[in-house]
PDB file of N, CA and C in Angstrom:
ATOM      1  N   MET A   1     172.019  74.280  85.901  1.00  0.00           N
ATOM      2  CA  MET A   1     172.161  74.540  87.318  1.00  0.00           C
ATOM      3  C   MET A   1     172.756  75.925  87.583  1.00  0.00           C
ATOM      4  N   ILE A   2     173.623  76.378  86.683  1.00  0.00           N
ATOM      5  CA  ILE A   2     174.231  77.694  86.841  1.00  0.00           C
ATOM      6  C   ILE A   2     173.154  78.777  86.883  1.00  0.00           C
ATOM      7  N   PHE A   3     172.136  78.613  86.042  1.00  0.00           N
ATOM      8  CA  PHE A   3     171.068  79.608  86.004  1.00  0.00           C
ATOM      9  C   PHE A   3     170.308  79.647  87.328  1.00  0.00           C
ATOM     10  N   TYR A   4     170.060  78.502  87.929  1.00  0.00           N
ATOM     11  CA  TYR A   4     169.356  78.475  89.214  1.00  0.00           C
ATOM     12  C   TYR A   4     170.163  79.181  90.297  1.00  0.00           C
ATOM     13  N   ILE A   5     171.474  79.021  90.244  1.00  0.00           N
ATOM     14  CA  ILE A   5     172.347  79.719  91.198  1.00  0.00           C
ATOM     15  C   ILE A   5     172.295  81.223  90.946  1.00  0.00           C
ATOM     16  N   TYR A   6     172.292  81.602  89.681  1.00  0.00           N
ATOM     17  CA  TYR A   6     172.183  83.021  89.310  1.00  0.00           C
ATOM     18  C   TYR A   6     170.903  83.635  89.878  1.00  0.00           C
ATOM     19  N   MET A   7     169.765  82.952  89.687  1.00  0.00           N
ATOM     20  CA  MET A   7     168.483  83.455  90.190  1.00  0.00           C
ATOM     21  C   MET A   7     168.452  83.424  91.720  1.00  0.00           C
ATOM     22  N   LYS A   8     169.047  82.428  92.302  1.00  0.00           N
ATOM     23  CA  LYS A   8     169.132  82.338  93.770  1.00  0.00           C
ATOM     24  C   LYS A   8     169.876  83.552  94.319  1.00  0.00           C
ATOM     25  N   ASN A   9     170.962  83.927  93.676  1.00  0.00           N
ATOM     26  CA  ASN A   9     171.726  85.100  94.105  1.00  0.00           C
ATOM     27  C   ASN A   9     170.934  86.385  93.923  1.00  0.00           C
ATOM     28  N   LYS A  10     170.130  86.443  92.873  1.00  0.00           N
ATOM     29  CA  LYS A  10     169.276  87.608  92.637  1.00  0.00           C
ATOM     30  C   LYS A  10     168.248  87.738  93.778  1.00  0.00           C
ATOM     31  N   ILE A  11     167.640  86.637  94.169  1.00  0.00           N
ATOM     32  CA  ILE A  11     166.681  86.629  95.287  1.00  0.00           C
ATOM     33  C   ILE A  11     167.388  86.991  96.593  1.00  0.00           C
ATOM     34  N   LEU A  12     168.583  86.480  96.775  1.00  0.00           N
ATOM     35  CA  LEU A  12     169.368  86.801  97.968  1.00  0.00           C
ATOM     36  C   LEU A  12     169.570  88.313  98.097  1.00  0.00           C
ATOM     37  N   LYS A  13     169.936  88.965  97.014  1.00  0.00           N
ATOM     38  CA  LYS A  13     170.147  90.420  97.039  1.00  0.00           C
ATOM     39  C   LYS A  13     168.845  91.163  97.331  1.00  0.00           C
ATOM     40  N   ILE A  14     167.746  90.691  96.760  1.00  0.00           N
ATOM     41  CA  ILE A  14     166.438  91.308  97.013  1.00  0.00           C
ATOM     42  C   ILE A  14     166.079  91.165  98.494  1.00  0.00           C
ATOM     43  N   LEU A  15     166.285  89.984  99.047  1.00  0.00           N
ATOM     44  CA  LEU A  15     165.986  89.761 100.469  1.00  0.00           C
ATOM     45  C   LEU A  15     166.855  90.645 101.367  1.00  0.00           C
ATOM     46  N   GLU A  16     168.140  90.698 101.082  1.00  0.00           N
ATOM     47  CA  GLU A  16     169.042  91.524 101.898  1.00  0.00           C
ATOM     48  C   GLU A  16     168.604  92.984 101.891  1.00  0.00           C
ATOM     49  N   LYS A  17     168.296  93.503 100.721  1.00  0.00           N
ATOM     50  CA  LYS A  17     167.863  94.900 100.587  1.00  0.00           C
ATOM     51  C   LYS A  17     166.590  95.154 101.392  1.00  0.00           C
ATOM     52  N   ASN A  18     165.635  94.261 101.278  1.00  0.00           N
ATOM     53  CA  ASN A  18     164.355  94.439 101.963  1.00  0.00           C
ATOM     54  C   ASN A  18     164.467  94.246 103.470  1.00  0.00           C
ATOM     55  N   ILE A  19     165.313  93.364 103.909  1.00  0.00           N
ATOM     56  CA  ILE A  19     165.524  93.167 105.343  1.00  0.00           C
ATOM     57  C   ILE A  19     166.145  94.425 105.948  1.00  0.00           C
ATOM     58  N   LYS A  20     167.120  94.988 105.249  1.00  0.00           N
ATOM     59  CA  LYS A  20     167.762  96.215 105.740  1.00  0.00           C
ATOM     60  C   LYS A  20     166.778  97.384 105.763  1.00  0.00           C
ATOM     61  N   GLU A  21     165.861  97.432 104.806  1.00  0.00           N
ATOM     62  CA  GLU A  21     164.830  98.480 104.798  1.00  0.00           C
ATOM     63  C   GLU A  21     163.850  98.316 105.957  1.00  0.00           C
ATOM     64  N   LEU A  22     163.426  97.083 106.198  1.00  0.00           N
ATOM     65  CA  LEU A  22     162.421  96.828 107.233  1.00  0.00           C
ATOM     66  C   LEU A  22     162.980  96.906 108.652  1.00  0.00           C
ATOM     67  N   TYR A  23     164.229  96.509 108.821  1.00  0.00           N
ATOM     68  CA  TYR A  23     164.803  96.411 110.160  1.00  0.00           C
ATOM     69  C   TYR A  23     166.163  97.117 110.233  1.00  0.00           C
ATOM     70  N   PRO A  24     166.214  98.410 109.930  1.00  0.00           N
ATOM     71  CA  PRO A  24     167.507  99.114 109.889  1.00  0.00           C
ATOM     72  C   PRO A  24     168.174  99.266 111.254  1.00  0.00           C
ATOM     73  N   GLN A  25     167.407  99.181 112.314  1.00  0.00           N
ATOM     74  CA  GLN A  25     167.961  99.391 113.659  1.00  0.00           C
ATOM     75  C   GLN A  25     168.721  98.179 114.175  1.00  0.00           C
ATOM     76  N   ASN A  26     168.590  97.048 113.522  1.00  0.00           N
ATOM     77  CA  ASN A  26     169.225  95.818 114.002  1.00  0.00           C
ATOM     78  C   ASN A  26     170.486  95.495 113.200  1.00  0.00           C
ATOM     79  N   ASP A  27     171.495  94.956 113.876  1.00  0.00           N
ATOM     80  CA  ASP A  27     172.680  94.458 113.185  1.00  0.00           C
ATOM     81  C   ASP A  27     172.398  93.008 112.791  1.00  0.00           C
ATOM     82  N   LEU A  28     172.109  92.811 111.527  1.00  0.00           N
ATOM     83  CA  LEU A  28     171.719  91.491 111.043  1.00  0.00           C
ATOM     84  C   LEU A  28     172.758  90.891 110.106  1.00  0.00           C
ATOM     85  N   SER A  29     173.969  91.411 110.139  1.00  0.00           N
ATOM     86  CA  SER A  29     175.002  90.983 109.194  1.00  0.00           C
ATOM     87  C   SER A  29     175.308  89.484 109.296  1.00  0.00           C
ATOM     88  N   ASP A  30     175.350  88.934 110.510  1.00  0.00           N
ATOM     89  CA  ASP A  30     175.616  87.495 110.655  1.00  0.00           C
ATOM     90  C   ASP A  30     174.488  86.661 110.064  1.00  0.00           C
ATOM     91  N   ILE A  31     173.267  87.088 110.290  1.00  0.00           N
ATOM     92  CA  ILE A  31     172.114  86.351 109.768  1.00  0.00           C
ATOM     93  C   ILE A  31     172.075  86.419 108.255  1.00  0.00           C
ATOM     94  N   LEU A  32     172.404  87.564 107.698  1.00  0.00           N
ATOM     95  CA  LEU A  32     172.372  87.717 106.247  1.00  0.00           C
ATOM     96  C   LEU A  32     173.421  86.849 105.553  1.00  0.00           C
ATOM     97  N   LYS A  33     174.396  86.370 106.306  1.00  0.00           N
ATOM     98  CA  LYS A  33     175.401  85.462 105.753  1.00  0.00           C
ATOM     99  C   LYS A  33     175.001  84.001 105.911  1.00  0.00           C
ATOM    100  N   ASN A  34     174.038  83.718 106.798  1.00  0.00           N
ATOM    101  CA  ASN A  34     173.786  82.336 107.196  1.00  0.00           C
ATOM    102  C   ASN A  34     172.338  81.882 107.079  1.00  0.00           C
ATOM    103  N   PHE A  35     171.673  82.247 106.027  1.00  0.00           N
ATOM    104  CA  PHE A  35     170.343  81.690 105.821  1.00  0.00           C
ATOM    105  C   PHE A  35     170.312  80.972 104.484  1.00  0.00           C
ATOM    106  N   GLU A  36     169.289  80.198 104.289  1.00  0.00           N
ATOM    107  CA  GLU A  36     169.219  79.343 103.106  1.00  0.00           C
ATOM    108  C   GLU A  36     168.171  79.819 102.119  1.00  0.00           C
ATOM    109  N   ILE A  37     168.501  79.679 100.861  1.00  0.00           N
ATOM    110  CA  ILE A  37     167.532  79.782  99.775  1.00  0.00           C
ATOM    111  C   ILE A  37     167.664  78.469  99.024  1.00  0.00           C
ATOM    112  N   ASN A  38     166.594  77.704  99.018  1.00  0.00           N
ATOM    113  CA  ASN A  38     166.628  76.375  98.425  1.00  0.00           C
ATOM    114  C   ASN A  38     165.695  76.269  97.231  1.00  0.00           C
ATOM    115  N   ILE A  39     165.972  75.265  96.431  1.00  0.00           N
ATOM    116  CA  ILE A  39     165.050  74.869  95.372  1.00  0.00           C
ATOM    117  C   ILE A  39     164.228  73.730  95.978  1.00  0.00           C
ATOM    118  N   PRO A  40     162.934  73.981  96.238  1.00  0.00           N
ATOM    119  CA  PRO A  40     162.114  72.962  96.909  1.00  0.00           C
ATOM    120  C   PRO A  40     161.963  71.681  96.090  1.00  0.00           C
ATOM    121  N   ASP A  41     161.792  70.570  96.786  1.00  0.00           N
ATOM    122  CA  ASP A  41     161.568  69.280  96.137  1.00  0.00           C
ATOM    123  C   ASP A  41     160.205  69.207  95.464  1.00  0.00           C
ATOM    124  N   LYS A  42     159.234  69.937  96.011  1.00  0.00           N
ATOM    125  CA  LYS A  42     157.867  69.886  95.491  1.00  0.00           C
ATOM    126  C   LYS A  42     157.514  71.195  94.794  1.00  0.00           C
ATOM    127  N   LYS A  43     156.867  71.096  93.629  1.00  0.00           N
ATOM    128  CA  LYS A  43     156.478  72.272  92.841  1.00  0.00           C
ATOM    129  C   LYS A  43     155.583  73.231  93.617  1.00  0.00           C
ATOM    130  N   GLU A  44     154.743  72.704  94.469  1.00  0.00           N
ATOM    131  CA  GLU A  44     153.790  73.555  95.191  1.00  0.00           C
ATOM    132  C   GLU A  44     154.467  74.496  96.193  1.00  0.00           C
ATOM    133  N   PHE A  45     155.771  74.307  96.421  1.00  0.00           N
ATOM    134  CA  PHE A  45     156.509  75.201  97.312  1.00  0.00           C
ATOM    135  C   PHE A  45     157.296  76.258  96.551  1.00  0.00           C
ATOM    136  N   GLY A  46     157.047  76.383  95.250  1.00  0.00           N
ATOM    137  CA  GLY A  46     157.663  77.432  94.453  1.00  0.00           C
ATOM    138  C   GLY A  46     158.942  77.007  93.769  1.00  0.00           C
ATOM    139  N   HIS A  47     159.543  77.982  93.089  1.00  0.00           N
ATOM    140  CA  HIS A  47     160.826  77.757  92.435  1.00  0.00           C
ATOM    141  C   HIS A  47     161.969  77.836  93.451  1.00  0.00           C
ATOM    142  N   TYR A  48     161.775  78.702  94.439  1.00  0.00           N
ATOM    143  CA  TYR A  48     162.762  78.906  95.504  1.00  0.00           C
ATOM    144  C   TYR A  48     162.025  79.087  96.826  1.00  0.00           C
ATOM    145  N   SER A  49     162.710  78.731  97.911  1.00  0.00           N
ATOM    146  CA  SER A  49     162.129  78.875  99.248  1.00  0.00           C
ATOM    147  C   SER A  49     163.238  79.287 100.210  1.00  0.00           C
ATOM    148  N   THR A  50     162.867  80.049 101.244  1.00  0.00           N
ATOM    149  CA  THR A  50     163.867  80.477 102.229  1.00  0.00           C
ATOM    150  C   THR A  50     163.344  80.347 103.654  1.00  0.00           C
ATOM    151  N   ASN A  51     164.287  80.162 104.557  1.00  0.00           N
ATOM    152  CA  ASN A  51     164.003  80.056 105.989  1.00  0.00           C
ATOM    153  C   ASN A  51     164.390  81.337 106.742  1.00  0.00           C
ATOM    154  N   ILE A  52     164.603  82.424 106.045  1.00  0.00           N
ATOM    155  CA  ILE A  52     165.115  83.656 106.643  1.00  0.00           C
ATOM    156  C   ILE A  52     164.268  84.141 107.822  1.00  0.00           C
ATOM    157  N   SER A  53     162.975  83.955 107.778  1.00  0.00           N
ATOM    158  CA  SER A  53     162.098  84.425 108.860  1.00  0.00           C
ATOM    159  C   SER A  53     162.431  83.771 110.195  1.00  0.00           C
ATOM    160  N   PHE A  54     162.827  82.501 110.146  1.00  0.00           N
ATOM    161  CA  PHE A  54     163.193  81.788 111.378  1.00  0.00           C
ATOM    162  C   PHE A  54     164.484  82.331 111.964  1.00  0.00           C
ATOM    163  N   LYS A  55     165.399  82.704 111.093  1.00  0.00           N
ATOM    164  CA  LYS A  55     166.687  83.250 111.547  1.00  0.00           C
ATOM    165  C   LYS A  55     166.511  84.645 112.146  1.00  0.00           C
ATOM    166  N   LEU A  56     165.593  85.433 111.579  1.00  0.00           N
ATOM    167  CA  LEU A  56     165.373  86.804 112.044  1.00  0.00           C
ATOM    168  C   LEU A  56     164.544  86.872 113.329  1.00  0.00           C
ATOM    169  N   ALA A  57     163.653  85.933 113.520  1.00  0.00           N
ATOM    170  CA  ALA A  57     162.680  85.982 114.624  1.00  0.00           C
ATOM    171  C   ALA A  57     163.285  86.264 115.998  1.00  0.00           C
ATOM    172  N   PRO A  58     164.339  85.569 116.440  1.00  0.00           N
ATOM    173  CA  PRO A  58     164.868  85.843 117.786  1.00  0.00           C
ATOM    174  C   PRO A  58     165.436  87.259 117.953  1.00  0.00           C
ATOM    175  N   LEU A  59     166.041  87.800 116.906  1.00  0.00           N
ATOM    176  CA  LEU A  59     166.629  89.138 117.008  1.00  0.00           C
ATOM    177  C   LEU A  59     165.592  90.247 116.912  1.00  0.00           C
ATOM    178  N   ILE A  60     164.606  90.042 116.054  1.00  0.00           N
ATOM    179  CA  ILE A  60     163.595  91.074 115.837  1.00  0.00           C
ATOM    180  C   ILE A  60     162.458  90.945 116.852  1.00  0.00           C
ATOM    181  N   LYS A  61     162.377  89.761 117.456  1.00  0.00           N
ATOM    182  CA  LYS A  61     161.338  89.464 118.460  1.00  0.00           C
ATOM    183  C   LYS A  61     159.934  89.556 117.860  1.00  0.00           C
ATOM    184  N   LYS A  62     159.806  88.907 116.696  1.00  0.00           N
ATOM    185  CA  LYS A  62     158.519  88.785 116.023  1.00  0.00           C
ATOM    186  C   LYS A  62     158.340  87.332 115.614  1.00  0.00           C
ATOM    187  N   ASN A  63     157.096  86.966 115.405  1.00  0.00           N
ATOM    188  CA  ASN A  63     156.746  85.654 114.912  1.00  0.00           C
ATOM    189  C   ASN A  63     157.291  85.484 113.478  1.00  0.00           C
ATOM    190  N   PRO A  64     157.859  84.315 113.129  1.00  0.00           N
ATOM    191  CA  PRO A  64     158.377  84.107 111.773  1.00  0.00           C
ATOM    192  C   PRO A  64     157.338  84.337 110.671  1.00  0.00           C
ATOM    193  N   VAL A  65     156.088  83.987 110.934  1.00  0.00           N
ATOM    194  CA  VAL A  65     155.036  84.212 109.928  1.00  0.00           C
ATOM    195  C   VAL A  65     154.847  85.703 109.687  1.00  0.00           C
ATOM    196  N   GLN A  66     154.869  86.501 110.737  1.00  0.00           N
ATOM    197  CA  GLN A  66     154.714  87.950 110.589  1.00  0.00           C
ATOM    198  C   GLN A  66     155.903  88.548 109.838  1.00  0.00           C
ATOM    199  N   ILE A  67     157.097  88.072 110.141  1.00  0.00           N
ATOM    200  CA  ILE A  67     158.291  88.545 109.424  1.00  0.00           C
ATOM    201  C   ILE A  67     158.178  88.200 107.949  1.00  0.00           C
ATOM    202  N   ALA A  68     157.756  86.986 107.657  1.00  0.00           N
ATOM    203  CA  ALA A  68     157.593  86.558 106.261  1.00  0.00           C
ATOM    204  C   ALA A  68     156.544  87.421 105.548  1.00  0.00           C
ATOM    205  N   GLN A  69     155.438  87.714 106.235  1.00  0.00           N
ATOM    206  CA  GLN A  69     154.397  88.582 105.653  1.00  0.00           C
ATOM    207  C   GLN A  69     154.955  89.978 105.371  1.00  0.00           C
ATOM    208  N   ASP A  70     155.697  90.521 106.322  1.00  0.00           N
ATOM    209  CA  ASP A  70     156.297  91.851 106.153  1.00  0.00           C
ATOM    210  C   ASP A  70     157.254  91.866 104.965  1.00  0.00           C
ATOM    211  N   LEU A  71     158.088  90.838 104.864  1.00  0.00           N
ATOM    212  CA  LEU A  71     159.036  90.754 103.750  1.00  0.00           C
ATOM    213  C   LEU A  71     158.299  90.631 102.418  1.00  0.00           C
ATOM    214  N   LYS A  72     157.296  89.790 102.401  1.00  0.00           N
ATOM    215  CA  LYS A  72     156.519  89.602 101.175  1.00  0.00           C
ATOM    216  C   LYS A  72     155.948  90.933 100.693  1.00  0.00           C
ATOM    217  N   GLN A  73     155.294  91.662 101.581  1.00  0.00           N
ATOM    218  CA  GLN A  73     154.677  92.943 101.209  1.00  0.00           C
ATOM    219  C   GLN A  73     155.722  93.948 100.740  1.00  0.00           C
ATOM    220  N   ASN A  74     156.838  94.008 101.421  1.00  0.00           N
ATOM    221  CA  ASN A  74     157.883  94.959 101.054  1.00  0.00           C
ATOM    222  C   ASN A  74     158.516  94.601  99.710  1.00  0.00           C
ATOM    223  N   ILE A  75     158.757  93.319  99.496  1.00  0.00           N
ATOM    224  CA  ILE A  75     159.347  92.870  98.231  1.00  0.00           C
ATOM    225  C   ILE A  75     158.407  93.172  97.070  1.00  0.00           C
ATOM    226  N   LEU A  76     157.134  92.908  97.253  1.00  0.00           N
ATOM    227  CA  LEU A  76     156.168  93.120  96.166  1.00  0.00           C
ATOM    228  C   LEU A  76     156.011  94.595  95.797  1.00  0.00           C
ATOM    229  N   LYS A  77     156.312  95.500  96.734  1.00  0.00           N
ATOM    230  CA  LYS A  77     156.233  96.930  96.419  1.00  0.00           C
ATOM    231  C   LYS A  77     157.234  97.340  95.343  1.00  0.00           C
ATOM    232  N   SER A  78     158.428  96.769  95.404  1.00  0.00           N
ATOM    233  CA  SER A  78     159.469  97.226  94.494  1.00  0.00           C
ATOM    234  C   SER A  78     159.941  96.187  93.481  1.00  0.00           C
ATOM    235  N   ASN A  79     159.619  94.932  93.684  1.00  0.00           N
ATOM    236  CA  ASN A  79     160.097  93.876  92.790  1.00  0.00           C
ATOM    237  C   ASN A  79     158.975  92.973  92.285  1.00  0.00           C
ATOM    238  N   SER A  80     157.787  93.501  92.194  1.00  0.00           N
ATOM    239  CA  SER A  80     156.641  92.662  91.848  1.00  0.00           C
ATOM    240  C   SER A  80     156.739  92.071  90.441  1.00  0.00           C
ATOM    241  N   PHE A  81     157.443  92.732  89.539  1.00  0.00           N
ATOM    242  CA  PHE A  81     157.554  92.232  88.172  1.00  0.00           C
ATOM    243  C   PHE A  81     158.414  90.973  88.082  1.00  0.00           C
ATOM    244  N   ILE A  82     159.291  90.749  89.036  1.00  0.00           N
ATOM    245  CA  ILE A  82     160.182  89.590  89.009  1.00  0.00           C
ATOM    246  C   ILE A  82     159.445  88.312  89.400  1.00  0.00           C
ATOM    247  N   PHE A  83     158.504  88.458  90.314  1.00  0.00           N
ATOM    248  CA  PHE A  83     157.843  87.283  90.866  1.00  0.00           C
ATOM    249  C   PHE A  83     156.419  87.128  90.350  1.00  0.00           C
ATOM    250  N   GLU A  84     156.104  85.919  89.980  1.00  0.00           N
ATOM    251  CA  GLU A  84     154.728  85.583  89.631  1.00  0.00           C
ATOM    252  C   GLU A  84     153.895  85.538  90.906  1.00  0.00           C
ATOM    253  N   LYS A  85     154.536  85.015  91.964  1.00  0.00           N
ATOM    254  CA  LYS A  85     153.844  84.878  93.242  1.00  0.00           C
ATOM    255  C   LYS A  85     154.876  84.706  94.353  1.00  0.00           C
ATOM    256  N   ILE A  86     154.541  85.260  95.519  1.00  0.00           N
ATOM    257  CA  ILE A  86     155.300  84.992  96.744  1.00  0.00           C
ATOM    258  C   ILE A  86     154.284  84.513  97.764  1.00  0.00           C
ATOM    259  N   GLU A  87     154.601  83.420  98.414  1.00  0.00           N
ATOM    260  CA  GLU A  87     153.666  82.831  99.367  1.00  0.00           C
ATOM    261  C   GLU A  87     154.342  82.659 100.721  1.00  0.00           C
ATOM    262  N   VAL A  88     153.606  82.963 101.768  1.00  0.00           N
ATOM    263  CA  VAL A  88     154.061  82.687 103.125  1.00  0.00           C
ATOM    264  C   VAL A  88     153.446  81.357 103.529  1.00  0.00           C
ATOM    265  N   ALA A  89     154.299  80.419 103.904  1.00  0.00           N
ATOM    266  CA  ALA A  89     153.823  79.088 104.299  1.00  0.00           C
ATOM    267  C   ALA A  89     154.189  78.860 105.770  1.00  0.00           C
ATOM    268  N   ASN A  90     153.220  78.374 106.520  1.00  0.00           N
ATOM    269  CA  ASN A  90     153.476  78.065 107.929  1.00  0.00           C
ATOM    270  C   ASN A  90     154.586  77.050 108.039  1.00  0.00           C
ATOM    271  N   PRO A  91     155.441  77.209 108.985  1.00  0.00           N
ATOM    272  CA  PRO A  91     155.450  78.139 110.109  1.00  0.00           C
ATOM    273  C   PRO A  91     156.228  79.435 109.868  1.00  0.00           C
ATOM    274  N   GLY A  92     156.494  79.783 108.572  1.00  0.00           N
ATOM    275  CA  GLY A  92     157.159  81.053 108.294  1.00  0.00           C
ATOM    276  C   GLY A  92     158.088  81.035 107.092  1.00  0.00           C
ATOM    277  N   PHE A  93     157.968  80.021 106.259  1.00  0.00           N
ATOM    278  CA  PHE A  93     158.780  79.977 105.039  1.00  0.00           C
ATOM    279  C   PHE A  93     158.258  80.994 104.030  1.00  0.00           C
ATOM    280  N   LEU A  94     159.162  81.502 103.204  1.00  0.00           N
ATOM    281  CA  LEU A  94     158.793  82.344 102.073  1.00  0.00           C
ATOM    282  C   LEU A  94     159.079  81.545 100.810  1.00  0.00           C
ATOM    283  N   ASN A  95     158.051  81.359  99.983  1.00  0.00           N
ATOM    284  CA  ASN A  95     158.184  80.613  98.738  1.00  0.00           C
ATOM    285  C   ASN A  95     158.021  81.573  97.569  1.00  0.00           C
ATOM    286  N   PHE A  96     158.921  81.455  96.595  1.00  0.00           N
ATOM    287  CA  PHE A  96     158.945  82.360  95.441  1.00  0.00           C
ATOM    288  C   PHE A  96     158.710  81.609  94.139  1.00  0.00           C
ATOM    289  N   TRP A  97     157.872  82.197  93.299  1.00  0.00           N
ATOM    290  CA  TRP A  97     157.683  81.741  91.933  1.00  0.00           C
ATOM    291  C   TRP A  97     158.163  82.859  91.025  1.00  0.00           C
ATOM    292  N   ILE A  98     159.096  82.545  90.131  1.00  0.00           N
ATOM    293  CA  ILE A  98     159.641  83.542  89.228  1.00  0.00           C
ATOM    294  C   ILE A  98     158.672  83.747  88.064  1.00  0.00           C
ATOM    295  N   ASN A  99     158.438  85.007  87.702  1.00  0.00           N
ATOM    296  CA  ASN A  99     157.609  85.351  86.547  1.00  0.00           C
ATOM    297  C   ASN A  99     158.228  84.701  85.308  1.00  0.00           C
ATOM    298  N   SER A 100     157.429  84.017  84.504  1.00  0.00           N
ATOM    299  CA  SER A 100     157.958  83.268  83.360  1.00  0.00           C
ATOM    300  C   SER A 100     158.658  84.177  82.345  1.00  0.00           C
ATOM    301  N   LYS A 101     158.163  85.391  82.139  1.00  0.00           N
ATOM    302  CA  LYS A 101     158.824  86.308  81.200  1.00  0.00           C
ATOM    303  C   LYS A 101     160.196  86.716  81.726  1.00  0.00           C
ATOM    304  N   ILE A 102     160.281  87.000  83.011  1.00  0.00           N
ATOM    305  CA  ILE A 102     161.559  87.360  83.630  1.00  0.00           C
ATOM    306  C   ILE A 102     162.492  86.153  83.604  1.00  0.00           C
ATOM    307  N   PHE A 103     161.935  84.981  83.882  1.00  0.00           N
ATOM    308  CA  PHE A 103     162.718  83.752  83.867  1.00  0.00           C
ATOM    309  C   PHE A 103     163.397  83.574  82.509  1.00  0.00           C
ATOM    310  N   LEU A 104     162.621  83.710  81.427  1.00  0.00           N
ATOM    311  CA  LEU A 104     163.170  83.543  80.081  1.00  0.00           C
ATOM    312  C   LEU A 104     164.165  84.650  79.734  1.00  0.00           C
ATOM    313  N   LYS A 105     163.863  85.871  80.136  1.00  0.00           N
ATOM    314  CA  LYS A 105     164.761  86.995  79.874  1.00  0.00           C
ATOM    315  C   LYS A 105     166.098  86.783  80.581  1.00  0.00           C
ATOM    316  N   GLU A 106     166.042  86.420  81.847  1.00  0.00           N
ATOM    317  CA  GLU A 106     167.268  86.201  82.622  1.00  0.00           C
ATOM    318  C   GLU A 106     168.030  84.982  82.117  1.00  0.00           C
ATOM    319  N   LEU A 107     167.316  83.941  81.730  1.00  0.00           N
ATOM    320  CA  LEU A 107     167.962  82.752  81.179  1.00  0.00           C
ATOM    321  C   LEU A 107     168.705  83.114  79.896  1.00  0.00           C
ATOM    322  N   ASN A 108     168.060  83.864  79.016  1.00  0.00           N
ATOM    323  CA  ASN A 108     168.678  84.290  77.770  1.00  0.00           C
ATOM    324  C   ASN A 108     169.924  85.138  78.042  1.00  0.00           C
ATOM    325  N   LYS A 109     169.807  86.076  78.966  1.00  0.00           N
ATOM    326  CA  LYS A 109     170.934  86.934  79.327  1.00  0.00           C
ATOM    327  C   LYS A 109     172.085  86.091  79.891  1.00  0.00           C
ATOM    328  N   ASN A 110     171.738  85.119  80.728  1.00  0.00           N
ATOM    329  CA  ASN A 110     172.738  84.262  81.345  1.00  0.00           C
ATOM    330  C   ASN A 110     173.425  83.384  80.304  1.00  0.00           C
ATOM    331  N   LEU A 111     172.667  82.870  79.358  1.00  0.00           N
ATOM    332  CA  LEU A 111     173.242  82.034  78.305  1.00  0.00           C
ATOM    333  C   LEU A 111     174.204  82.828  77.436  1.00  0.00           C
ATOM    334  N   LYS A 112     173.849  84.061  77.134  1.00  0.00           N
ATOM    335  CA  LYS A 112     174.728  84.899  76.306  1.00  0.00           C
ATOM    336  C   LYS A 112     176.054  85.160  76.991  1.00  0.00           C
ATOM    337  N   LYS A 113     176.028  85.287  78.314  1.00  0.00           N
ATOM    338  CA  LYS A 113     177.265  85.504  79.069  1.00  0.00           C
ATOM    339  C   LYS A 113     178.100  84.218  79.144  1.00  0.00           C
ATOM    340  N   THR A 114     177.415  83.086  79.191  1.00  0.00           N
ATOM    341  CA  THR A 114     178.091  81.814  79.425  1.00  0.00           C
ATOM    342  C   THR A 114     178.621  81.180  78.125  1.00  0.00           C
ATOM    343  N   TYR A 115     177.826  81.277  77.077  1.00  0.00           N
ATOM    344  CA  TYR A 115     178.184  80.625  75.826  1.00  0.00           C
ATOM    345  C   TYR A 115     178.335  81.650  74.714  1.00  0.00           C
ATOM    346  N   TYR A 116     179.146  81.330  73.765  1.00  0.00           N
ATOM    347  CA  TYR A 116     179.338  82.195  72.607  1.00  0.00           C
ATOM    348  C   TYR A 116     178.632  81.573  71.425  1.00  0.00           C
ATOM    349  N   PHE A 117     177.713  82.290  70.840  1.00  0.00           N
ATOM    350  CA  PHE A 117     176.957  81.770  69.707  1.00  0.00           C
ATOM    351  C   PHE A 117     177.571  82.242  68.413  1.00  0.00           C
TER     352      PHE A 117
END
């Protein structure tokens, strides 16, 4: 479970960076503290999922699906190697699949920090 939290925090930082790049004119500090990144119950929704588009929509005055599309495109420009796939699901969720090579690399790195062999 520790590893899932580690990867969740990594996605959180990626989202924060990309939101600030896409919407620098808005003060989104409260929203960046109060959105969810979950591990979905169903495999078809990815390894992780977030509702950030719904939280941003009222402030940015855009449809959550459009915000999710914008985030997806921006994230893939600079972090495409981390994700196997990012999917926008109606009504505006962002679903993430971690690249298996990155997953194993990060898991190995995390284990070395956590346990002494």
